[in-house]
């Protein structure tokens, strides 16, 4: 009887272990699948309207991050900035040669995003002049707003001064977002533009 009970206990133990392993692998598959579906292959306005969901990268295990890193690196040349932003978020040293390789041939708005990713990975001070030059060539207000939210991450007097200058930009949304990105109240910006309209 004791032998039978022991066998039953062992059977239950191994069944529990099997269920636990199945649950873990299911979770791993689900996280990686969510990254591929909602980040790597996101191709609709609904999936892209709020920007890259970087939290999906945070939910990956170390093994999954390595897979995601390789898949993002393969997409660097796609013209899409999401793989670049993702690699910066992952601090992917492996991606640095590819990122540096496309930096000079990219348009200014994309240059700023690449420079930001390189900075997050390596904090290379040589990248600061790149983003300053790119900023001088960006005139589209939407691209300027994208740039504005990159600037606080550099923690450099030159990028801080650039962000401060954008707070006085004649375009309302640029000035508003620069003030917001600086962590300041936007009330004065709103009042300033209201006065300019009423005057």
N, C-alpha and C. Protein backbone atom coordinates (compact mmCIF):
# COMPACT_ATOMS: atom_id res chain seq x y z
N UNK A 1 0.83 -1.21 0.00
CA UNK A 1 0.00 0.00 0.00
C UNK A 1 0.86 1.25 0.00
N UNK A 2 1.92 1.23 0.85
CA UNK A 2 2.83 2.38 0.92
C UNK A 2 3.47 2.62 -0.43
N UNK A 3 3.84 1.53 -1.10
CA UNK A 3 4.45 1.66 -2.43
C UNK A 3 3.48 2.27 -3.42
N UNK A 4 2.21 1.91 -3.33
CA UNK A 4 1.19 2.45 -4.23
C UNK A 4 1.01 3.94 -4.01
N UNK A 5 0.96 4.34 -2.72
CA UNK A 5 0.80 5.77 -2.39
C UNK A 5 2.00 6.57 -2.92
N UNK A 6 3.19 5.97 -2.76
CA UNK A 6 4.39 6.65 -3.27
C UNK A 6 4.33 6.85 -4.76
N UNK A 7 3.87 5.84 -5.47
CA UNK A 7 3.75 5.94 -6.93
C UNK A 7 2.75 7.02 -7.33
N UNK A 8 1.63 7.08 -6.60
CA UNK A 8 0.61 8.09 -6.89
C UNK A 8 1.17 9.49 -6.66
N UNK A 9 1.90 9.63 -5.54
CA UNK A 9 2.49 10.94 -5.24
C UNK A 9 3.46 11.37 -6.34
N UNK A 10 4.29 10.41 -6.78
CA UNK A 10 5.25 10.72 -7.85
C UNK A 10 4.52 11.10 -9.13
N UNK A 11 3.46 10.39 -9.43
CA UNK A 11 2.70 10.67 -10.65
C UNK A 11 2.10 12.08 -10.60
N UNK A 12 1.54 12.44 -9.42
CA UNK A 12 0.95 13.76 -9.25
C UNK A 12 2.03 14.83 -9.37
N UNK A 13 3.21 14.55 -8.75
CA UNK A 13 4.32 15.51 -8.77
C UNK A 13 4.75 15.79 -10.22
N UNK A 14 4.97 14.73 -10.98
CA UNK A 14 5.44 14.92 -12.36
C UNK A 14 4.37 15.55 -13.24
N UNK A 15 3.09 15.26 -12.93
CA UNK A 15 2.01 15.89 -13.68
C UNK A 15 1.99 17.39 -13.40
N UNK A 16 2.19 17.77 -12.12
CA UNK A 16 2.23 19.19 -11.76
C UNK A 16 3.41 19.88 -12.44
N UNK A 17 4.58 19.19 -12.42
CA UNK A 17 5.76 19.77 -13.06
C UNK A 17 5.51 19.98 -14.55
N UNK A 18 4.86 19.03 -15.17
CA UNK A 18 4.55 19.12 -16.60
C UNK A 18 3.61 20.28 -16.88
N UNK A 19 2.59 20.44 -16.03
CA UNK A 19 1.63 21.54 -16.20
C UNK A 19 2.32 22.89 -16.00
N UNK A 20 3.22 22.95 -15.00
CA UNK A 20 3.95 24.19 -14.73
C UNK A 20 4.83 24.56 -15.92
N UNK A 21 5.55 23.58 -16.44
CA UNK A 21 6.42 23.84 -17.60
C UNK A 21 5.59 24.28 -18.80
N UNK A 22 4.45 23.62 -18.99
CA UNK A 22 3.57 23.99 -20.09
C UNK A 22 3.08 25.43 -19.95
N UNK A 23 2.75 25.80 -18.71
CA UNK A 23 2.28 27.17 -18.44
C UNK A 23 3.36 28.19 -18.72
N UNK A 24 4.60 27.87 -18.31
CA UNK A 24 5.72 28.79 -18.52
C UNK A 24 5.98 28.98 -20.01
N UNK A 25 6.04 27.85 -20.75
CA UNK A 25 6.30 27.95 -22.19
C UNK A 25 5.17 28.67 -22.91
N UNK A 26 3.94 28.48 -22.42
CA UNK A 26 2.80 29.17 -23.02
C UNK A 26 2.93 30.67 -22.82
N UNK A 27 3.36 31.07 -21.60
CA UNK A 27 3.56 32.49 -21.30
C UNK A 27 4.65 33.08 -22.17
N UNK A 28 5.76 32.34 -22.30
CA UNK A 28 6.86 32.81 -23.13
C UNK A 28 6.40 33.00 -24.56
N UNK A 29 5.71 32.03 -25.09
CA UNK A 29 5.21 32.13 -26.46
C UNK A 29 4.26 33.29 -26.64
N UNK A 30 3.44 33.53 -25.64
CA UNK A 30 2.45 34.61 -25.72
C UNK A 30 3.13 35.97 -25.74
N UNK A 31 4.16 36.14 -24.91
CA UNK A 31 4.87 37.43 -24.86
C UNK A 31 5.59 37.73 -26.16
N UNK A 32 6.27 36.74 -26.69
CA UNK A 32 7.00 36.92 -27.94
C UNK A 32 6.04 37.14 -29.10
N UNK A 33 4.93 36.43 -29.08
CA UNK A 33 3.92 36.59 -30.11
C UNK A 33 3.31 38.00 -30.07
N UNK A 34 3.07 38.50 -28.86
CA UNK A 34 2.52 39.85 -28.71
C UNK A 34 3.49 40.88 -29.26
N UNK A 35 4.78 40.70 -29.00
CA UNK A 35 5.80 41.60 -29.54
C UNK A 35 5.79 41.58 -31.07
N UNK A 36 5.75 40.39 -31.64
CA UNK A 36 5.78 40.29 -33.11
C UNK A 36 4.52 40.87 -33.74
N UNK A 37 3.40 40.63 -33.10
CA UNK A 37 2.13 41.08 -33.68
C UNK A 37 1.92 42.59 -33.51
N UNK A 38 2.20 43.09 -32.31
CA UNK A 38 1.84 44.48 -31.98
C UNK A 38 3.00 45.47 -32.06
N UNK A 39 4.20 44.95 -32.30
CA UNK A 39 5.37 45.84 -32.41
C UNK A 39 6.09 45.59 -33.73
N UNK A 40 6.69 44.42 -33.86
CA UNK A 40 7.54 44.16 -35.03
C UNK A 40 6.76 44.24 -36.34
N UNK A 41 5.54 43.71 -36.35
CA UNK A 41 4.75 43.67 -37.59
C UNK A 41 3.52 44.58 -37.54
N UNK A 42 3.54 45.53 -36.63
CA UNK A 42 2.39 46.46 -36.53
C UNK A 42 2.30 47.27 -37.82
N UNK A 43 1.18 47.17 -38.50
CA UNK A 43 1.07 47.83 -39.81
C UNK A 43 -0.26 48.56 -39.99
N UNK A 44 -0.94 48.85 -38.90
CA UNK A 44 -2.21 49.56 -39.00
C UNK A 44 -2.17 50.82 -38.14
N UNK A 45 -3.01 51.78 -38.49
CA UNK A 45 -3.07 53.02 -37.72
C UNK A 45 -3.48 52.73 -36.28
N UNK A 46 -4.36 51.78 -36.10
CA UNK A 46 -4.85 51.45 -34.76
C UNK A 46 -3.70 50.98 -33.87
N UNK A 47 -2.77 50.21 -34.43
CA UNK A 47 -1.65 49.70 -33.65
C UNK A 47 -0.54 50.75 -33.47
N UNK A 48 -0.51 51.75 -34.37
CA UNK A 48 0.61 52.68 -34.37
C UNK A 48 0.27 54.07 -33.85
N UNK A 49 -0.99 54.35 -33.62
CA UNK A 49 -1.41 55.72 -33.30
C UNK A 49 -0.81 56.26 -32.01
N UNK A 50 -0.46 55.40 -31.05
CA UNK A 50 0.08 55.85 -29.76
C UNK A 50 1.59 55.70 -29.67
N UNK A 51 2.26 55.39 -30.80
CA UNK A 51 3.70 55.22 -30.77
C UNK A 51 4.10 53.80 -30.40
N UNK A 52 5.39 53.52 -30.44
CA UNK A 52 5.85 52.14 -30.20
C UNK A 52 5.57 51.67 -28.77
N UNK A 53 4.94 50.51 -28.61
CA UNK A 53 4.64 49.99 -27.27
C UNK A 53 5.87 49.32 -26.65
N UNK A 54 6.76 50.14 -26.14
CA UNK A 54 8.03 49.63 -25.61
C UNK A 54 7.84 48.69 -24.42
N UNK A 55 6.68 48.79 -23.77
CA UNK A 55 6.43 47.90 -22.62
C UNK A 55 6.39 46.43 -23.05
N UNK A 56 6.11 46.18 -24.33
CA UNK A 56 6.12 44.80 -24.81
C UNK A 56 7.53 44.23 -24.75
N UNK A 57 8.53 45.07 -24.95
CA UNK A 57 9.92 44.61 -24.84
C UNK A 57 10.27 44.33 -23.39
N UNK A 58 9.72 45.13 -22.48
CA UNK A 58 10.00 44.95 -21.05
C UNK A 58 9.41 43.65 -20.52
N UNK A 59 8.38 43.14 -21.18
CA UNK A 59 7.71 41.93 -20.69
C UNK A 59 8.42 40.65 -21.14
N UNK A 60 9.43 40.78 -21.99
CA UNK A 60 10.12 39.60 -22.51
C UNK A 60 11.16 39.07 -21.52
N UNK A 61 11.35 37.77 -21.54
CA UNK A 61 12.42 37.16 -20.76
C UNK A 61 13.77 37.44 -21.43
N UNK A 62 14.85 37.09 -20.79
CA UNK A 62 16.18 37.31 -21.37
C UNK A 62 16.32 36.59 -22.71
N UNK A 63 15.86 35.34 -22.76
CA UNK A 63 15.95 34.57 -24.01
C UNK A 63 15.11 35.21 -25.10
N UNK A 64 13.91 35.66 -24.73
CA UNK A 64 13.03 36.30 -25.70
C UNK A 64 13.60 37.63 -26.19
N UNK A 65 14.23 38.36 -25.28
CA UNK A 65 14.84 39.64 -25.67
C UNK A 65 15.93 39.42 -26.70
N UNK A 66 16.69 38.36 -26.54
CA UNK A 66 17.75 38.06 -27.51
C UNK A 66 17.14 37.78 -28.88
N UNK A 67 16.02 37.07 -28.90
CA UNK A 67 15.33 36.79 -30.17
C UNK A 67 14.79 38.09 -30.76
N UNK A 68 14.14 38.89 -29.92
CA UNK A 68 13.56 40.15 -30.37
C UNK A 68 14.65 41.09 -30.89
N UNK A 69 15.79 41.11 -30.21
CA UNK A 69 16.91 41.96 -30.62
C UNK A 69 17.35 41.61 -32.04
N UNK A 70 17.52 40.32 -32.30
CA UNK A 70 17.93 39.88 -33.64
C UNK A 70 16.88 40.24 -34.69
N UNK A 71 15.61 40.08 -34.34
CA UNK A 71 14.55 40.38 -35.29
C UNK A 71 14.46 41.87 -35.57
N UNK A 72 14.70 42.70 -34.56
CA UNK A 72 14.69 44.15 -34.75
C UNK A 72 15.89 44.60 -35.59
N UNK A 73 17.05 44.00 -35.35
CA UNK A 73 18.24 44.34 -36.13
C UNK A 73 18.02 44.05 -37.61
N UNK A 74 17.33 42.96 -37.89
CA UNK A 74 17.06 42.62 -39.30
C UNK A 74 16.13 43.62 -39.96
N UNK A 75 15.42 44.42 -39.17
CA UNK A 75 14.48 45.41 -39.72
C UNK A 75 15.05 46.83 -39.74
N UNK A 76 16.29 47.02 -39.36
CA UNK A 76 16.87 48.37 -39.28
C UNK A 76 16.78 49.10 -40.62
N UNK A 77 16.98 48.39 -41.70
CA UNK A 77 17.02 49.03 -43.02
C UNK A 77 15.64 49.15 -43.66
N UNK A 78 14.61 48.91 -42.91
CA UNK A 78 13.26 48.91 -43.48
C UNK A 78 12.69 50.31 -43.72
N UNK A 79 13.33 51.34 -43.14
CA UNK A 79 12.78 52.69 -43.24
C UNK A 79 11.80 53.01 -42.13
N UNK A 80 11.52 52.02 -41.30
CA UNK A 80 10.61 52.17 -40.16
C UNK A 80 11.44 52.53 -38.93
N UNK A 81 11.01 53.55 -38.17
CA UNK A 81 11.82 53.93 -37.00
C UNK A 81 11.54 53.08 -35.76
N UNK A 82 10.49 52.27 -35.76
CA UNK A 82 10.19 51.46 -34.57
C UNK A 82 11.30 50.47 -34.21
N UNK A 83 11.88 49.74 -35.20
CA UNK A 83 13.00 48.85 -34.82
C UNK A 83 14.16 49.61 -34.17
N UNK A 84 14.44 50.82 -34.66
CA UNK A 84 15.53 51.62 -34.12
C UNK A 84 15.23 52.04 -32.69
N UNK A 85 14.01 52.51 -32.47
CA UNK A 85 13.60 52.90 -31.11
C UNK A 85 13.65 51.70 -30.16
N UNK A 86 13.22 50.55 -30.66
CA UNK A 86 13.23 49.34 -29.83
C UNK A 86 14.63 48.92 -29.45
N UNK A 87 15.56 49.01 -30.39
CA UNK A 87 16.94 48.62 -30.11
C UNK A 87 17.59 49.59 -29.12
N UNK A 88 17.24 50.86 -29.22
CA UNK A 88 17.72 51.82 -28.22
C UNK A 88 17.17 51.48 -26.84
N UNK A 89 15.89 51.12 -26.79
CA UNK A 89 15.26 50.78 -25.52
C UNK A 89 15.91 49.53 -24.90
N UNK A 90 16.31 48.60 -25.75
CA UNK A 90 16.95 47.37 -25.28
C UNK A 90 18.43 47.57 -24.95
N UNK A 91 18.97 48.77 -25.25
CA UNK A 91 20.40 49.05 -25.07
C UNK A 91 21.23 48.00 -25.82
N UNK A 92 20.87 47.81 -27.09
CA UNK A 92 21.47 46.75 -27.90
C UNK A 92 22.84 47.13 -28.44
N UNK A 93 23.89 46.72 -27.75
CA UNK A 93 25.26 46.95 -28.22
C UNK A 93 25.47 46.25 -29.56
N UNK A 94 24.82 45.13 -29.73
CA UNK A 94 24.94 44.36 -30.97
C UNK A 94 24.47 45.15 -32.18
N UNK A 95 23.54 46.10 -31.97
CA UNK A 95 22.97 46.86 -33.08
C UNK A 95 23.80 48.08 -33.46
N UNK A 96 24.79 48.45 -32.64
CA UNK A 96 25.53 49.70 -32.86
C UNK A 96 26.16 49.80 -34.26
N UNK A 97 26.85 48.77 -34.76
CA UNK A 97 27.44 48.90 -36.10
C UNK A 97 26.40 49.20 -37.18
N UNK A 98 25.26 48.54 -37.10
CA UNK A 98 24.20 48.76 -38.09
C UNK A 98 23.62 50.17 -37.96
N UNK A 99 23.40 50.62 -36.74
CA UNK A 99 22.83 51.95 -36.52
C UNK A 99 23.78 53.03 -37.01
N UNK A 100 25.05 52.89 -36.70
CA UNK A 100 26.05 53.87 -37.15
C UNK A 100 26.19 53.82 -38.67
N UNK A 101 25.97 52.66 -39.24
CA UNK A 101 26.10 52.50 -40.68
C UNK A 101 25.04 53.24 -41.49
N UNK A 102 23.85 53.41 -40.91
CA UNK A 102 22.77 54.09 -41.63
C UNK A 102 22.60 55.55 -41.21
N UNK A 103 23.37 55.99 -40.23
CA UNK A 103 23.17 57.31 -39.64
C UNK A 103 23.33 58.44 -40.66
N UNK A 104 24.44 58.50 -41.35
CA UNK A 104 24.74 59.64 -42.21
C UNK A 104 23.87 59.70 -43.46
N UNK A 105 23.37 58.56 -43.92
CA UNK A 105 22.57 58.53 -45.15
C UNK A 105 21.08 58.70 -44.89
N UNK A 106 20.69 58.86 -43.65
CA UNK A 106 19.27 58.98 -43.31
C UNK A 106 18.82 60.44 -43.34
N UNK A 107 17.52 60.63 -43.48
CA UNK A 107 16.95 61.98 -43.43
C UNK A 107 17.07 62.52 -42.00
N UNK A 108 17.07 63.86 -41.85
CA UNK A 108 17.31 64.47 -40.53
C UNK A 108 16.42 63.94 -39.41
N UNK A 109 15.13 63.76 -39.67
CA UNK A 109 14.23 63.29 -38.61
C UNK A 109 14.62 61.89 -38.15
N UNK A 110 14.98 61.03 -39.11
CA UNK A 110 15.40 59.67 -38.75
C UNK A 110 16.79 59.69 -38.12
N UNK A 111 17.64 60.61 -38.58
CA UNK A 111 18.96 60.75 -37.95
C UNK A 111 18.82 61.03 -36.45
N UNK A 112 17.88 61.88 -36.11
CA UNK A 112 17.67 62.21 -34.70
C UNK A 112 17.27 60.97 -33.90
N UNK A 113 16.42 60.15 -34.47
CA UNK A 113 15.97 58.93 -33.79
C UNK A 113 17.12 57.93 -33.66
N UNK A 114 17.92 57.81 -34.72
CA UNK A 114 19.09 56.91 -34.67
C UNK A 114 20.09 57.42 -33.63
N UNK A 115 20.35 58.73 -33.64
CA UNK A 115 21.28 59.31 -32.67
C UNK A 115 20.82 59.07 -31.25
N UNK A 116 19.52 59.18 -31.02
CA UNK A 116 18.96 58.93 -29.70
C UNK A 116 19.17 57.47 -29.29
N UNK A 117 18.95 56.54 -30.23
CA UNK A 117 19.15 55.12 -29.93
C UNK A 117 20.62 54.85 -29.60
N UNK A 118 21.52 55.42 -30.40
CA UNK A 118 22.96 55.22 -30.15
C UNK A 118 23.34 55.78 -28.78
N UNK A 119 22.78 56.93 -28.44
CA UNK A 119 23.07 57.53 -27.14
C UNK A 119 22.58 56.64 -26.00
N UNK A 120 21.39 56.08 -26.14
CA UNK A 120 20.86 55.23 -25.07
C UNK A 120 21.71 53.97 -24.89
N UNK A 121 22.30 53.51 -25.99
CA UNK A 121 23.11 52.29 -25.92
C UNK A 121 24.50 52.59 -25.36
N UNK A 122 25.14 53.68 -25.85
CA UNK A 122 26.56 53.88 -25.55
C UNK A 122 26.90 55.18 -24.85
N UNK A 123 25.95 56.14 -24.83
CA UNK A 123 26.22 57.48 -24.29
C UNK A 123 27.49 58.07 -24.90
N UNK A 124 27.64 57.88 -26.20
CA UNK A 124 28.78 58.42 -26.94
C UNK A 124 28.61 59.93 -27.10
N UNK A 125 29.48 60.74 -26.50
CA UNK A 125 29.32 62.20 -26.59
C UNK A 125 29.44 62.73 -28.02
N UNK A 126 30.07 61.94 -28.88
CA UNK A 126 30.20 62.35 -30.28
C UNK A 126 28.88 62.38 -31.03
N UNK A 127 27.83 61.85 -30.41
CA UNK A 127 26.53 61.81 -31.08
C UNK A 127 25.75 63.11 -30.87
N UNK A 128 26.14 63.92 -29.90
CA UNK A 128 25.42 65.17 -29.62
C UNK A 128 25.44 66.12 -30.82
N UNK A 129 26.60 66.36 -31.45
CA UNK A 129 26.59 67.24 -32.64
C UNK A 129 25.69 66.73 -33.76
N UNK A 130 25.53 65.42 -33.85
CA UNK A 130 24.68 64.84 -34.89
C UNK A 130 23.23 65.28 -34.68
N UNK A 131 22.76 65.19 -33.46
CA UNK A 131 21.36 65.55 -33.21
C UNK A 131 21.16 67.07 -33.31
N UNK A 132 22.19 67.84 -32.98
CA UNK A 132 22.09 69.29 -33.12
C UNK A 132 22.01 69.68 -34.60
N UNK A 133 22.82 69.03 -35.44
CA UNK A 133 22.76 69.31 -36.89
C UNK A 133 21.42 68.88 -37.47
N UNK A 134 20.95 67.72 -37.04
CA UNK A 134 19.66 67.23 -37.55
C UNK A 134 18.54 68.20 -37.20
N UNK A 135 18.60 68.77 -35.99
CA UNK A 135 17.54 69.68 -35.53
C UNK A 135 17.46 70.92 -36.42
N UNK A 136 18.60 71.36 -36.95
CA UNK A 136 18.63 72.55 -37.80
C UNK A 136 17.98 72.32 -39.16
N UNK A 137 17.85 71.05 -39.52
CA UNK A 137 17.29 70.72 -40.84
C UNK A 137 15.84 70.26 -40.78
N UNK A 138 15.32 70.09 -39.58
CA UNK A 138 13.93 69.64 -39.42
C UNK A 138 13.02 70.86 -39.34
N UNK A 139 12.07 70.95 -40.26
CA UNK A 139 11.14 72.08 -40.28
C UNK A 139 9.69 71.65 -40.08
N UNK A 140 9.39 70.40 -40.37
CA UNK A 140 8.03 69.89 -40.18
C UNK A 140 7.69 69.85 -38.70
N UNK A 141 6.56 70.44 -38.31
CA UNK A 141 6.25 70.56 -36.88
C UNK A 141 6.06 69.21 -36.19
N UNK A 142 5.52 68.24 -36.94
CA UNK A 142 5.33 66.92 -36.33
C UNK A 142 6.68 66.25 -36.05
N UNK A 143 7.61 66.40 -36.99
CA UNK A 143 8.94 65.84 -36.78
C UNK A 143 9.67 66.58 -35.66
N UNK A 144 9.43 67.89 -35.54
CA UNK A 144 10.02 68.65 -34.45
C UNK A 144 9.52 68.15 -33.09
N UNK A 145 8.24 67.84 -33.02
CA UNK A 145 7.67 67.34 -31.75
C UNK A 145 8.29 65.98 -31.40
N UNK A 146 8.48 65.12 -32.41
CA UNK A 146 9.16 63.84 -32.16
C UNK A 146 10.56 64.09 -31.59
N UNK A 147 11.27 65.04 -32.19
CA UNK A 147 12.62 65.38 -31.73
C UNK A 147 12.60 65.91 -30.30
N UNK A 148 11.64 66.75 -30.01
CA UNK A 148 11.54 67.39 -28.70
C UNK A 148 11.50 66.35 -27.57
N UNK A 149 10.75 65.27 -27.78
CA UNK A 149 10.62 64.27 -26.71
C UNK A 149 11.84 63.35 -26.61
N UNK A 150 12.78 63.48 -27.56
CA UNK A 150 14.04 62.75 -27.44
C UNK A 150 15.07 63.52 -26.63
N UNK A 151 14.98 64.84 -26.70
CA UNK A 151 16.04 65.70 -26.14
C UNK A 151 16.28 65.53 -24.63
N UNK A 152 15.26 65.38 -23.80
CA UNK A 152 15.54 65.28 -22.35
C UNK A 152 16.43 64.10 -21.96
N UNK A 153 16.47 63.06 -22.79
CA UNK A 153 17.26 61.87 -22.44
C UNK A 153 18.76 62.09 -22.54
N UNK A 154 19.18 63.16 -23.22
CA UNK A 154 20.61 63.36 -23.43
C UNK A 154 21.31 63.97 -22.22
N UNK A 155 20.60 64.73 -21.42
CA UNK A 155 21.18 65.35 -20.22
C UNK A 155 22.49 66.07 -20.55
N UNK A 156 22.44 66.86 -21.61
CA UNK A 156 23.62 67.60 -22.06
C UNK A 156 23.24 69.08 -22.16
N UNK A 157 24.11 70.00 -21.75
CA UNK A 157 23.76 71.43 -21.81
C UNK A 157 23.33 71.90 -23.20
N UNK A 158 23.90 71.31 -24.25
CA UNK A 158 23.57 71.73 -25.61
C UNK A 158 22.16 71.30 -26.01
N UNK A 159 21.79 70.08 -25.65
CA UNK A 159 20.43 69.62 -25.98
C UNK A 159 19.42 70.27 -25.04
N UNK A 160 19.83 70.55 -23.81
CA UNK A 160 18.93 71.27 -22.89
C UNK A 160 18.64 72.68 -23.41
N UNK A 161 19.67 73.33 -23.96
CA UNK A 161 19.49 74.68 -24.52
C UNK A 161 18.59 74.64 -25.74
N UNK A 162 18.74 73.61 -26.55
CA UNK A 162 17.88 73.46 -27.73
C UNK A 162 16.43 73.27 -27.31
N UNK A 163 16.20 72.44 -26.32
CA UNK A 163 14.83 72.22 -25.84
C UNK A 163 14.24 73.52 -25.29
N UNK A 164 15.06 74.29 -24.57
CA UNK A 164 14.59 75.57 -24.02
C UNK A 164 14.22 76.53 -25.14
N UNK A 165 15.00 76.51 -26.22
CA UNK A 165 14.71 77.40 -27.35
C UNK A 165 13.39 77.04 -28.02
N UNK A 166 13.10 75.75 -28.08
CA UNK A 166 11.83 75.32 -28.69
C UNK A 166 10.62 75.78 -27.88
N UNK A 167 10.81 76.11 -26.62
CA UNK A 167 9.68 76.59 -25.81
C UNK A 167 9.18 77.96 -26.29
N UNK A 168 10.03 78.65 -27.04
CA UNK A 168 9.64 79.95 -27.60
C UNK A 168 9.35 79.87 -29.10
N UNK A 169 9.16 78.68 -29.59
CA UNK A 169 8.92 78.49 -31.03
C UNK A 169 7.59 79.14 -31.45
N UNK A 170 7.55 79.75 -32.65
CA UNK A 170 6.31 80.41 -33.08
C UNK A 170 5.14 79.46 -33.35
N UNK A 171 5.43 78.19 -33.57
CA UNK A 171 4.37 77.20 -33.78
C UNK A 171 3.86 76.74 -32.41
N UNK A 172 2.55 76.93 -32.19
CA UNK A 172 1.98 76.66 -30.86
C UNK A 172 2.27 75.23 -30.36
N UNK A 173 2.03 74.23 -31.21
CA UNK A 173 2.19 72.85 -30.75
C UNK A 173 3.64 72.51 -30.45
N UNK A 174 4.56 73.13 -31.17
CA UNK A 174 5.97 72.92 -30.90
C UNK A 174 6.33 73.51 -29.53
N UNK A 175 5.94 74.77 -29.31
CA UNK A 175 6.22 75.43 -28.03
C UNK A 175 5.55 74.70 -26.87
N UNK A 176 4.31 74.28 -27.07
CA UNK A 176 3.55 73.59 -26.03
C UNK A 176 4.24 72.28 -25.64
N UNK A 177 4.62 71.48 -26.65
CA UNK A 177 5.23 70.19 -26.36
C UNK A 177 6.64 70.32 -25.81
N UNK A 178 7.37 71.36 -26.23
CA UNK A 178 8.70 71.60 -25.66
C UNK A 178 8.60 71.94 -24.19
N UNK A 179 7.61 72.73 -23.84
CA UNK A 179 7.40 73.09 -22.44
C UNK A 179 6.99 71.86 -21.63
N UNK A 180 6.12 71.07 -22.20
CA UNK A 180 5.67 69.84 -21.52
C UNK A 180 6.83 68.86 -21.35
N UNK A 181 7.66 68.71 -22.40
CA UNK A 181 8.80 67.79 -22.33
C UNK A 181 9.83 68.26 -21.31
N UNK A 182 9.83 69.56 -21.02
CA UNK A 182 10.75 70.12 -20.03
C UNK A 182 10.25 69.92 -18.60
N UNK A 183 9.03 69.39 -18.47
CA UNK A 183 8.45 69.19 -17.14
C UNK A 183 7.90 70.46 -16.54
N UNK A 184 7.60 71.46 -17.38
CA UNK A 184 7.10 72.74 -16.90
C UNK A 184 5.61 72.88 -17.18
N UNK A 185 4.97 73.79 -16.48
CA UNK A 185 3.56 74.08 -16.72
C UNK A 185 3.40 74.71 -18.10
N UNK A 186 2.37 74.30 -18.80
CA UNK A 186 2.11 74.84 -20.15
C UNK A 186 1.16 76.05 -20.11
N UNK A 187 0.75 76.47 -18.92
CA UNK A 187 -0.23 77.56 -18.80
C UNK A 187 0.24 78.83 -19.49
N UNK A 188 1.50 79.19 -19.29
CA UNK A 188 2.02 80.43 -19.87
C UNK A 188 2.05 80.35 -21.40
N UNK A 189 2.37 79.17 -21.92
CA UNK A 189 2.38 79.00 -23.38
C UNK A 189 0.97 79.20 -23.93
N UNK A 190 0.00 78.62 -23.28
CA UNK A 190 -1.39 78.75 -23.71
C UNK A 190 -1.81 80.22 -23.68
N UNK A 191 -1.49 80.90 -22.57
CA UNK A 191 -1.85 82.32 -22.45
C UNK A 191 -1.16 83.17 -23.51
N UNK A 192 0.11 82.86 -23.78
CA UNK A 192 0.86 83.64 -24.77
C UNK A 192 0.23 83.56 -26.15
N UNK A 193 -0.17 82.35 -26.54
CA UNK A 193 -0.76 82.19 -27.86
C UNK A 193 -2.19 82.71 -27.91
N UNK A 194 -2.89 82.64 -26.80
CA UNK A 194 -4.22 83.24 -26.75
C UNK A 194 -4.13 84.74 -26.93
N UNK A 195 -3.14 85.38 -26.28
CA UNK A 195 -2.95 86.83 -26.42
C UNK A 195 -2.60 87.20 -27.87
N UNK A 196 -1.76 86.36 -28.48
CA UNK A 196 -1.36 86.67 -29.85
C UNK A 196 -2.52 86.58 -30.81
N UNK A 197 -3.45 85.66 -30.52
CA UNK A 197 -4.65 85.52 -31.38
C UNK A 197 -5.61 86.69 -31.15
N UNK A 198 -5.79 87.07 -29.91
CA UNK A 198 -6.74 88.14 -29.60
C UNK A 198 -6.20 89.51 -30.05
N UNK A 199 -4.84 89.62 -30.10
CA UNK A 199 -4.25 90.88 -30.51
C UNK A 199 -4.28 91.03 -32.01
